[in-house]
Amino acid sequence: MPYTVDFKDVSTIGLESSPVAEALAGLRANEARYYKNKYDHDFTVTPASEAPETVAYVHNILSTERNLVIASRPLEVSSFEVDGLRMAYVFYESGLAINVMYGLEEGGKRAVGFKLSDGMDVPEELASSFKFARQKSKLAGVIRGSYFVIKGEY
């Protein structure tokens, strides 16, 4: 069942099995606040088991572009279009959040972003390939992030 993320009253709904559920909920709320403030878009998530096509889309890009397989279990996903961008998010049990930003116009911005919840270790599959910058968030504590540019067509 879809859930509209509330960034004023942060909830761990859907994320309870994560060892960093509070921090992951804050990270999810941080993303919701961004989309509401920038695009007036309500950030809605669905259990990953109810939207396997979104998980498959993100995992296909990771595998094709960088030969990456994420070991953690996907908990929730979000998929939407806003301002000429197709966005897809997967929130993992480990505390990892991955987003795919795919510009719909030819030559548009296309990238995969990784965000690590406060308190989680860098996943082994990402540790050797990515450096993570730190960002402070009132909702999520310290978020560590990295990204890569998508070269292929999806």
N, C-alpha and C. Protein backbone atom coordinates (compact mmCIF):
# COMPACT_ATOMS: atom_id res chain seq x y z
N MET A 1 0.83 -1.18 0.00
CA MET A 1 0.00 0.00 0.00
C MET A 1 0.88 1.25 0.00
N PRO A 2 0.64 2.19 -0.90
CA PRO A 2 1.46 3.41 -0.96
C PRO A 2 1.35 4.24 0.32
N TYR A 3 2.43 4.93 0.63
CA TYR A 3 2.52 5.75 1.83
C TYR A 3 3.16 7.08 1.44
N THR A 4 2.48 8.18 1.71
CA THR A 4 3.04 9.51 1.45
C THR A 4 3.92 9.88 2.64
N VAL A 5 5.18 10.13 2.36
CA VAL A 5 6.17 10.40 3.42
C VAL A 5 5.93 11.78 4.02
N ASP A 6 5.81 11.82 5.32
CA ASP A 6 5.61 13.05 6.07
C ASP A 6 6.96 13.51 6.62
N PHE A 7 7.42 14.66 6.17
CA PHE A 7 8.74 15.12 6.63
C PHE A 7 8.64 16.02 7.86
N LYS A 8 7.43 16.28 8.32
CA LYS A 8 7.26 17.05 9.55
C LYS A 8 7.17 16.13 10.76
N ASP A 9 6.52 14.99 10.59
CA ASP A 9 6.40 13.99 11.65
C ASP A 9 7.00 12.69 11.11
N VAL A 10 8.31 12.54 11.26
CA VAL A 10 9.05 11.44 10.65
C VAL A 10 8.64 10.10 11.27
N SER A 11 8.35 9.14 10.41
CA SER A 11 7.90 7.83 10.85
C SER A 11 8.75 6.73 10.22
N THR A 12 8.92 5.63 10.96
CA THR A 12 9.68 4.49 10.44
C THR A 12 8.77 3.48 9.74
N ILE A 13 7.53 3.83 9.45
CA ILE A 13 6.59 2.92 8.78
C ILE A 13 7.26 2.34 7.53
N GLY A 14 7.25 1.02 7.44
CA GLY A 14 7.82 0.32 6.29
C GLY A 14 9.31 0.04 6.40
N LEU A 15 9.95 0.65 7.38
CA LEU A 15 11.41 0.52 7.52
C LEU A 15 11.81 -0.16 8.82
N GLU A 16 10.85 -0.69 9.56
CA GLU A 16 11.09 -1.20 10.91
C GLU A 16 12.16 -2.28 11.00
N SER A 17 12.34 -3.07 9.94
CA SER A 17 13.32 -4.16 10.00
C SER A 17 14.77 -3.70 9.84
N SER A 18 14.97 -2.44 9.48
CA SER A 18 16.33 -1.92 9.31
C SER A 18 16.99 -1.67 10.66
N PRO A 19 18.27 -2.05 10.80
CA PRO A 19 18.98 -1.76 12.05
C PRO A 19 19.19 -0.26 12.27
N VAL A 20 19.03 0.54 11.24
CA VAL A 20 19.15 1.99 11.34
C VAL A 20 17.83 2.65 10.90
N ALA A 21 16.71 2.06 11.33
CA ALA A 21 15.38 2.49 10.87
C ALA A 21 15.13 3.98 11.09
N GLU A 22 15.52 4.51 12.26
CA GLU A 22 15.29 5.94 12.55
C GLU A 22 16.05 6.83 11.57
N ALA A 23 17.31 6.50 11.33
CA ALA A 23 18.13 7.30 10.41
C ALA A 23 17.64 7.15 8.97
N LEU A 24 17.24 5.94 8.58
CA LEU A 24 16.72 5.72 7.23
C LEU A 24 15.41 6.47 7.04
N ALA A 25 14.56 6.49 8.06
CA ALA A 25 13.31 7.27 8.01
C ALA A 25 13.62 8.75 7.84
N GLY A 26 14.65 9.23 8.53
CA GLY A 26 15.07 10.63 8.38
C GLY A 26 15.58 10.92 6.99
N LEU A 27 16.33 9.99 6.42
CA LEU A 27 16.84 10.13 5.06
C LEU A 27 15.68 10.18 4.07
N ARG A 28 14.72 9.28 4.25
CA ARG A 28 13.54 9.25 3.38
C ARG A 28 12.76 10.57 3.51
N ALA A 29 12.61 11.07 4.72
CA ALA A 29 11.91 12.33 4.95
C ALA A 29 12.67 13.51 4.34
N ASN A 30 13.99 13.45 4.38
CA ASN A 30 14.82 14.48 3.77
C ASN A 30 14.55 14.55 2.26
N GLU A 31 14.44 13.39 1.61
CA GLU A 31 14.12 13.35 0.18
C GLU A 31 12.72 13.90 -0.07
N ALA A 32 11.76 13.54 0.79
CA ALA A 32 10.39 14.03 0.65
C ALA A 32 10.33 15.55 0.76
N ARG A 33 11.06 16.10 1.71
CA ARG A 33 11.09 17.56 1.87
C ARG A 33 11.66 18.24 0.63
N TYR A 34 12.73 17.69 0.08
CA TYR A 34 13.35 18.25 -1.11
C TYR A 34 12.34 18.33 -2.27
N TYR A 35 11.65 17.23 -2.54
CA TYR A 35 10.72 17.20 -3.68
C TYR A 35 9.49 18.08 -3.43
N LYS A 36 9.06 18.19 -2.19
CA LYS A 36 7.93 19.07 -1.88
C LYS A 36 8.33 20.52 -2.06
N ASN A 37 9.50 20.90 -1.54
CA ASN A 37 9.95 22.29 -1.62
C ASN A 37 10.33 22.71 -3.04
N LYS A 38 11.00 21.84 -3.78
CA LYS A 38 11.49 22.20 -5.12
C LYS A 38 10.42 22.05 -6.20
N TYR A 39 9.62 20.98 -6.13
CA TYR A 39 8.68 20.68 -7.21
C TYR A 39 7.21 20.61 -6.76
N ASP A 40 6.92 20.84 -5.48
CA ASP A 40 5.58 20.67 -4.93
C ASP A 40 5.05 19.26 -5.22
N HIS A 41 5.93 18.27 -5.09
CA HIS A 41 5.59 16.87 -5.34
C HIS A 41 5.54 16.12 -4.01
N ASP A 42 4.45 15.37 -3.79
CA ASP A 42 4.34 14.53 -2.60
C ASP A 42 5.09 13.23 -2.84
N PHE A 43 6.09 12.96 -2.02
CA PHE A 43 6.95 11.79 -2.16
C PHE A 43 6.24 10.58 -1.55
N THR A 44 5.88 9.64 -2.40
CA THR A 44 5.13 8.46 -1.98
C THR A 44 5.98 7.21 -2.19
N VAL A 45 5.97 6.33 -1.21
CA VAL A 45 6.72 5.07 -1.31
C VAL A 45 5.75 3.89 -1.26
N THR A 46 6.22 2.78 -1.83
CA THR A 46 5.45 1.53 -1.88
C THR A 46 6.38 0.42 -1.40
N PRO A 47 5.86 -0.59 -0.71
CA PRO A 47 6.72 -1.73 -0.38
C PRO A 47 7.36 -2.30 -1.64
N ALA A 48 8.63 -2.64 -1.56
CA ALA A 48 9.37 -3.14 -2.73
C ALA A 48 8.71 -4.38 -3.33
N SER A 49 8.09 -5.19 -2.49
CA SER A 49 7.44 -6.41 -2.98
C SER A 49 6.22 -6.11 -3.86
N GLU A 50 5.68 -4.90 -3.74
CA GLU A 50 4.52 -4.51 -4.53
C GLU A 50 4.90 -3.78 -5.82
N ALA A 51 6.17 -3.46 -5.99
CA ALA A 51 6.63 -2.74 -7.19
C ALA A 51 7.96 -3.32 -7.67
N PRO A 52 7.99 -4.62 -8.00
CA PRO A 52 9.26 -5.25 -8.39
C PRO A 52 9.87 -4.64 -9.66
N GLU A 53 9.05 -4.00 -10.49
CA GLU A 53 9.57 -3.40 -11.72
C GLU A 53 10.50 -2.23 -11.41
N THR A 54 10.23 -1.49 -10.33
CA THR A 54 11.11 -0.37 -9.96
C THR A 54 12.44 -0.91 -9.45
N VAL A 55 12.40 -1.94 -8.62
CA VAL A 55 13.63 -2.57 -8.13
C VAL A 55 14.43 -3.13 -9.31
N ALA A 56 13.76 -3.80 -10.24
CA ALA A 56 14.44 -4.38 -11.41
C ALA A 56 15.07 -3.29 -12.28
N TYR A 57 14.39 -2.17 -12.47
CA TYR A 57 14.90 -1.05 -13.26
C TYR A 57 16.20 -0.52 -12.65
N VAL A 58 16.18 -0.26 -11.34
CA VAL A 58 17.37 0.27 -10.65
C VAL A 58 18.50 -0.76 -10.69
N HIS A 59 18.18 -2.02 -10.38
CA HIS A 59 19.21 -3.06 -10.35
C HIS A 59 19.80 -3.32 -11.73
N ASN A 60 18.99 -3.20 -12.79
CA ASN A 60 19.50 -3.36 -14.15
C ASN A 60 20.52 -2.28 -14.49
N ILE A 61 20.23 -1.04 -14.13
CA ILE A 61 21.17 0.05 -14.39
C ILE A 61 22.47 -0.16 -13.60
N LEU A 62 22.36 -0.54 -12.33
CA LEU A 62 23.56 -0.78 -11.52
C LEU A 62 24.41 -1.90 -12.12
N SER A 63 23.76 -2.96 -12.53
CA SER A 63 24.47 -4.12 -13.09
C SER A 63 25.10 -3.79 -14.44
N THR A 64 24.35 -3.15 -15.31
CA THR A 64 24.82 -2.84 -16.65
C THR A 64 25.93 -1.79 -16.64
N GLU A 65 25.73 -0.72 -15.88
CA GLU A 65 26.67 0.40 -15.88
C GLU A 65 27.95 0.11 -15.08
N ARG A 66 27.81 -0.54 -13.92
CA ARG A 66 28.95 -0.69 -13.01
C ARG A 66 29.16 -2.10 -12.48
N ASN A 67 28.43 -3.07 -13.01
CA ASN A 67 28.55 -4.46 -12.56
C ASN A 67 28.33 -4.57 -11.04
N LEU A 68 27.36 -3.82 -10.53
CA LEU A 68 27.07 -3.79 -9.09
C LEU A 68 25.84 -4.62 -8.77
N VAL A 69 25.93 -5.37 -7.69
CA VAL A 69 24.78 -6.09 -7.13
C VAL A 69 24.70 -5.70 -5.66
N ILE A 70 23.56 -5.16 -5.27
CA ILE A 70 23.37 -4.72 -3.89
C ILE A 70 22.95 -5.93 -3.05
N ALA A 71 23.67 -6.16 -1.96
CA ALA A 71 23.43 -7.34 -1.14
C ALA A 71 22.22 -7.18 -0.22
N SER A 72 21.91 -5.97 0.17
CA SER A 72 20.83 -5.74 1.13
C SER A 72 19.45 -5.92 0.49
N ARG A 73 18.48 -6.21 1.32
CA ARG A 73 17.10 -6.42 0.86
C ARG A 73 16.39 -5.08 0.64
N PRO A 74 15.76 -4.89 -0.53
CA PRO A 74 14.98 -3.67 -0.76
C PRO A 74 13.72 -3.67 0.11
N LEU A 75 13.46 -2.54 0.78
CA LEU A 75 12.27 -2.43 1.62
C LEU A 75 11.17 -1.63 0.93
N GLU A 76 11.54 -0.48 0.36
CA GLU A 76 10.55 0.40 -0.24
C GLU A 76 11.10 1.00 -1.53
N VAL A 77 10.16 1.42 -2.39
CA VAL A 77 10.52 2.07 -3.65
C VAL A 77 9.62 3.27 -3.88
N SER A 78 10.10 4.14 -4.75
CA SER A 78 9.30 5.25 -5.23
C SER A 78 9.68 5.47 -6.70
N SER A 79 8.69 5.78 -7.49
CA SER A 79 8.94 6.02 -8.91
C SER A 79 7.96 7.09 -9.39
N PHE A 80 8.50 8.14 -10.03
CA PHE A 80 7.65 9.25 -10.47
C PHE A 80 8.39 10.08 -11.51
N GLU A 81 7.64 10.94 -12.19
CA GLU A 81 8.23 11.91 -13.12
C GLU A 81 7.94 13.30 -12.61
N VAL A 82 8.97 14.15 -12.68
CA VAL A 82 8.83 15.53 -12.24
C VAL A 82 9.79 16.40 -13.05
N ASP A 83 9.29 17.47 -13.63
CA ASP A 83 10.12 18.46 -14.33
C ASP A 83 11.04 17.83 -15.39
N GLY A 84 10.50 16.90 -16.17
CA GLY A 84 11.30 16.28 -17.24
C GLY A 84 12.27 15.21 -16.78
N LEU A 85 12.16 14.79 -15.52
CA LEU A 85 13.03 13.75 -14.97
C LEU A 85 12.20 12.55 -14.56
N ARG A 86 12.69 11.36 -14.91
CA ARG A 86 12.11 10.13 -14.36
C ARG A 86 12.97 9.77 -13.15
N MET A 87 12.32 9.68 -11.99
CA MET A 87 13.03 9.38 -10.75
C MET A 87 12.61 8.00 -10.25
N ALA A 88 13.58 7.25 -9.75
CA ALA A 88 13.29 5.96 -9.12
C ALA A 88 14.16 5.85 -7.87
N TYR A 89 13.56 5.45 -6.78
CA TYR A 89 14.25 5.29 -5.51
C TYR A 89 14.07 3.87 -5.00
N VAL A 90 15.13 3.33 -4.37
CA VAL A 90 15.02 2.08 -3.62
C VAL A 90 15.66 2.33 -2.26
N PHE A 91 14.91 2.03 -1.20
CA PHE A 91 15.40 2.14 0.17
C PHE A 91 15.65 0.72 0.67
N TYR A 92 16.88 0.46 1.13
CA TYR A 92 17.31 -0.89 1.51
C TYR A 92 17.34 -1.06 3.03
N GLU A 93 17.22 -2.32 3.45
CA GLU A 93 17.23 -2.66 4.87
C GLU A 93 18.52 -2.21 5.57
N SER A 94 19.63 -2.20 4.87
CA SER A 94 20.92 -1.80 5.45
C SER A 94 20.98 -0.33 5.83
N GLY A 95 20.07 0.49 5.24
CA GLY A 95 20.12 1.94 5.44
C GLY A 95 20.53 2.68 4.18
N LEU A 96 20.84 1.94 3.13
CA LEU A 96 21.23 2.52 1.85
C LEU A 96 20.00 2.99 1.09
N ALA A 97 20.10 4.14 0.45
CA ALA A 97 19.07 4.63 -0.46
C ALA A 97 19.74 4.88 -1.81
N ILE A 98 19.16 4.35 -2.86
CA ILE A 98 19.68 4.57 -4.21
C ILE A 98 18.60 5.27 -5.01
N ASN A 99 19.02 6.32 -5.74
CA ASN A 99 18.07 6.96 -6.64
C ASN A 99 18.65 7.01 -8.05
N VAL A 100 17.77 6.86 -9.01
CA VAL A 100 18.13 7.00 -10.42
C VAL A 100 17.40 8.23 -10.93
N MET A 101 18.17 9.20 -11.41
CA MET A 101 17.63 10.40 -12.04
C MET A 101 17.88 10.26 -13.53
N TYR A 102 16.80 10.24 -14.31
CA TYR A 102 16.93 9.99 -15.74
C TYR A 102 16.19 11.08 -16.51
N GLY A 103 16.97 12.01 -17.08
CA GLY A 103 16.39 13.08 -17.89
C GLY A 103 15.73 12.50 -19.13
N LEU A 104 14.48 12.87 -19.38
CA LEU A 104 13.73 12.31 -20.50
C LEU A 104 14.13 12.91 -21.85
N GLU A 105 14.63 14.14 -21.84
CA GLU A 105 15.09 14.75 -23.08
C GLU A 105 16.46 14.21 -23.46
N GLU A 106 16.71 14.14 -24.77
CA GLU A 106 18.02 13.73 -25.26
C GLU A 106 19.08 14.66 -24.66
N GLY A 107 20.13 14.09 -24.08
CA GLY A 107 21.19 14.90 -23.48
C GLY A 107 20.86 15.39 -22.09
N GLY A 108 19.75 14.95 -21.52
CA GLY A 108 19.37 15.38 -20.17
C GLY A 108 20.26 14.74 -19.12
N LYS A 109 20.18 15.27 -17.90
CA LYS A 109 20.97 14.73 -16.79
C LYS A 109 20.52 13.31 -16.48
N ARG A 110 21.49 12.41 -16.30
CA ARG A 110 21.21 11.03 -15.97
C ARG A 110 22.28 10.53 -15.02
N ALA A 111 21.86 10.14 -13.82
CA ALA A 111 22.83 9.71 -12.82
C ALA A 111 22.18 8.77 -11.81
N VAL A 112 23.04 8.02 -11.13
CA VAL A 112 22.64 7.18 -10.01
C VAL A 112 23.27 7.76 -8.76
N GLY A 113 22.46 7.98 -7.74
CA GLY A 113 22.95 8.51 -6.48
C GLY A 113 22.83 7.48 -5.37
N PHE A 114 23.83 7.47 -4.49
CA PHE A 114 23.84 6.59 -3.32
C PHE A 114 23.83 7.48 -2.08
N LYS A 115 22.98 7.16 -1.13
CA LYS A 115 22.98 7.88 0.15
C LYS A 115 22.99 6.84 1.26
N LEU A 116 23.87 7.07 2.24
CA LEU A 116 24.02 6.16 3.37
C LEU A 116 23.42 6.80 4.61
N SER A 117 22.55 6.06 5.28
CA SER A 117 21.94 6.54 6.53
C SER A 117 23.01 6.68 7.60
N ASP A 118 22.78 7.63 8.50
CA ASP A 118 23.66 7.85 9.64
C ASP A 118 23.76 6.55 10.44
N GLY A 119 24.98 6.12 10.76
CA GLY A 119 25.18 4.94 11.58
C GLY A 119 25.44 3.65 10.82
N MET A 120 25.30 3.67 9.50
CA MET A 120 25.57 2.43 8.74
C MET A 120 26.97 2.48 8.15
N ASP A 121 27.54 1.31 7.95
CA ASP A 121 28.84 1.20 7.29
C ASP A 121 28.64 1.29 5.77
N VAL A 122 29.68 1.69 5.07
CA VAL A 122 29.63 1.69 3.61
C VAL A 122 29.50 0.24 3.15
N PRO A 123 28.48 -0.07 2.33
CA PRO A 123 28.33 -1.45 1.86
C PRO A 123 29.58 -1.92 1.12
N GLU A 124 29.93 -3.17 1.36
CA GLU A 124 31.14 -3.75 0.76
C GLU A 124 31.17 -3.58 -0.76
N GLU A 125 30.01 -3.73 -1.41
CA GLU A 125 29.96 -3.65 -2.87
C GLU A 125 30.22 -2.23 -3.40
N LEU A 126 30.14 -1.22 -2.52
CA LEU A 126 30.40 0.17 -2.94
C LEU A 126 31.73 0.71 -2.43
N ALA A 127 32.27 0.10 -1.40
CA ALA A 127 33.43 0.65 -0.69
C ALA A 127 34.64 0.89 -1.58
N SER A 128 34.93 -0.01 -2.50
CA SER A 128 36.15 0.13 -3.30
C SER A 128 35.99 1.06 -4.49
N SER A 129 34.76 1.37 -4.88
CA SER A 129 34.53 2.14 -6.10
C SER A 129 34.09 3.58 -5.89
N PHE A 130 33.62 3.92 -4.69
CA PHE A 130 33.03 5.25 -4.48
C PHE A 130 33.57 5.91 -3.23
N LYS A 131 33.76 7.21 -3.33
CA LYS A 131 34.09 8.05 -2.18
C LYS A 131 32.80 8.76 -1.79
N PHE A 132 32.54 8.88 -0.50
CA PHE A 132 31.30 9.46 -0.02
C PHE A 132 31.54 10.80 0.66
N ALA A 133 30.83 11.82 0.18
CA ALA A 133 30.88 13.15 0.79
C ALA A 133 29.83 13.22 1.89
N ARG A 134 30.10 14.04 2.90
CA ARG A 134 29.17 14.18 4.03
C ARG A 134 28.31 15.42 3.87
N GLN A 135 27.06 15.27 4.33
CA GLN A 135 26.11 16.37 4.30
C GLN A 135 25.29 16.28 5.58
N LYS A 136 25.09 17.40 6.26
CA LYS A 136 24.29 17.40 7.48
C LYS A 136 22.84 17.70 7.13
N SER A 137 21.95 17.00 7.82
CA SER A 137 20.52 17.16 7.62
C SER A 137 19.82 17.19 8.97
N LYS A 138 18.89 18.14 9.16
CA LYS A 138 18.13 18.19 10.41
C LYS A 138 17.28 16.92 10.56
N LEU A 139 16.82 16.36 9.46
CA LEU A 139 15.96 15.19 9.51
C LEU A 139 16.74 13.88 9.62
N ALA A 140 17.93 13.83 8.99
CA ALA A 140 18.64 12.55 8.86
C ALA A 140 19.99 12.50 9.53
N GLY A 141 20.40 13.54 10.24
CA GLY A 141 21.74 13.53 10.85
C GLY A 141 22.78 13.75 9.77
N VAL A 142 23.80 12.91 9.72
CA VAL A 142 24.84 13.01 8.69
C VAL A 142 24.53 12.01 7.59
N ILE A 143 24.35 12.53 6.39
CA ILE A 143 24.12 11.69 5.21
C ILE A 143 25.43 11.65 4.44
N ARG A 144 25.84 10.46 4.05
CA ARG A 144 27.00 10.34 3.17
C ARG A 144 26.49 9.97 1.78
N GLY A 145 26.99 10.66 0.77
CA GLY A 145 26.47 10.44 -0.58
C GLY A 145 27.56 10.34 -1.62
N SER A 146 27.22 9.67 -2.71
CA SER A 146 28.08 9.54 -3.88
C SER A 146 27.18 9.31 -5.09
N TYR A 147 27.77 9.35 -6.29
CA TYR A 147 26.97 9.14 -7.49
C TYR A 147 27.85 8.74 -8.65
N PHE A 148 27.22 8.29 -9.73
CA PHE A 148 27.90 8.14 -11.00
C PHE A 148 26.95 8.53 -12.12
N VAL A 149 27.52 8.96 -13.25
CA VAL A 149 26.73 9.39 -14.41
C VAL A 149 26.37 8.14 -15.23
N ILE A 150 25.12 8.08 -15.65
CA ILE A 150 24.64 6.98 -16.48
C ILE A 150 25.04 7.26 -17.92
N LYS A 151 25.67 6.28 -18.57
CA LYS A 151 26.11 6.44 -19.95
C LYS A 151 25.14 5.82 -20.96
N GLY A 152 24.44 4.75 -20.57
CA GLY A 152 23.56 4.02 -21.47
C GLY A 152 22.15 4.60 -21.55
N GLU A 153 21.32 3.94 -22.37
CA GLU A 153 19.91 4.34 -22.53
C GLU A 153 19.04 3.31 -21.83
N TYR A 154 18.11 3.79 -20.99
CA TYR A 154 17.25 2.87 -20.24
C TYR A 154 15.80 3.31 -20.32
